[in-house]
Amino acid sequence: QPLVQKKKKKIKFDGWNRMKMMKLQPYLSALIFLNALIEIQCFLGGNPNQRSVKAFSNHRMTGLSECRLNTNKIRLLMGNNDSNDIVKVENNKKNNDVKLKITDLIKTLLKKLAILSLEDYNWRSEYFKKSEADRKVEESIARMMGEEAAYLRPMDASDGKIGPLGRAERQLVRWLSLVIEEEGRRAKLISSSDGDLVRPMDLDLGGPLSSLERGAVDLLEQIRSSEKERVLTKTLRPKDLVEEKRGPLGNLEAKVVNALDEIRKSESSRMELSRNRGGEIVRPIDVPGPLGEMELWYLELITAEKQRAKDRERNNGELVRPKDASIQGPMGTAERKVSEAINYIKEEETERLKNVKRLLKEKRPMEADRNSALGLTEAVLVGLFRAPQLMFRVIDRVKELLQSELLSKEDTEKLRNSDSLKNKNQQQ
């Protein structure tokens, strides 16, 4: 009979079995020693003797894992109840294998994504370079002709006519171009490796994302070092650390505490003035401090709104805007700034509309390249819009022909005479 029982059967060690096991103890010890030698030989890559293996197992030993399995079975027969440990080891091994497979899968997916990102980067960079080169050529030709080049995007306007939208678009496009270049370099590094993750801050020549990540990492590092110093020095509040080791949290708390101290000092001085004046109320505006500045802003707002109400009564009840009031408060100032920005944008868009019309007149897709996608689209749309007009014209002409009558003899003679006179004049 085999010494190892089948799986899913628990071994019960009663008294009789224990006596048997005590008698078999020397033999089992020898088998454990023999199995250890076989395990060493398996580890070193040798081929163990199959007959010695069959002496204590029905399975053929083909590797290190089977050698260890038989050792565990023999230990289980000897009464060392380490089955839980064995199960834990096997489960840990399975978990490690699963983690390795997941890691390999993630690396493979990351490498494929990096390759796709690299292709997208190459396409985008070529497109941007081509469009920028075409734009430079158009500007140079227009400059040679003494004109300004027509443009479609707000950022392509000249420096004298560019507005808020153009400046914002120019800054955004510049930022995006730097990001695209940075991501292209990162995709090259990832695709050339085995799928290892490359962070933006690990690049030698970084960009906007690298700066953002480095700033976030530096912030977290400063917080970690300041908190570590606070624990070592047993300091309760972050602001109580030395200024060199305070960190972002300590600086933030210090600013909040300073603002609260200013409010407390102003309020205490206000209470003192009130006591000195015999209990008379002293307003926050009469004492320097944050609350006094807030009250001053509020009073300016109330005064301007009251004056606007009076201006409305003088204007026969018509609405008076805050920026048109006789006294301009905070709302009037804000409305004036918004109106100026809207006027700038309106002027910018009006100029851009003129350039768009000129550009479409000079370079219509259906006239420049009718077989292109834009040319075919424009031709179809123009045909759809012009078809009803043509049909209505044909219908009107048919109605005119149906309502027409035959000419009288006098009219026909007059027409013939006029035609004969025209022919004589042409011959002369």
Foldseek 3Di string as FASTA:
>chain_A
DALFDDPPDDDDCDPVLLVVLVVCVVVLVVLLVVLVVVLVCQVVPHDDDQVSVVVHDPDGDDHNVVSVVSSVRSCVSSPPPCVVVVVVVVVVVVVVVVVVVVVLVLLVVLLVVLVVLLVVLVVVVVVVVVVVVVLVVQQVVQVVVVHGRFDQALLSDDPVQRAPRNVVVVVVVVQVVQVSVLSNVQSVVCNVDSSDHDQQLNDPDHGDRNVVVVVVVVLVVLVVQLVVVCVVVVPDALLPDDPVNSGPRNVVVVVVVVLVVQVVVLVVVQVVVCVVVPNDHDDSLVTDHDNVVVVVLVVQVVVLVVQQVVVCVVVVNDHDQLLRGPRHHPRNVVVVVVVVNVVSVVSSVVVNVVSVVVVCVVCPPLVVPCPDPSNVVVVVVVCVVCVVVVVVVVVVVVVVVVPDDDDDPVVVVVVVVVVVVVVVVVVD
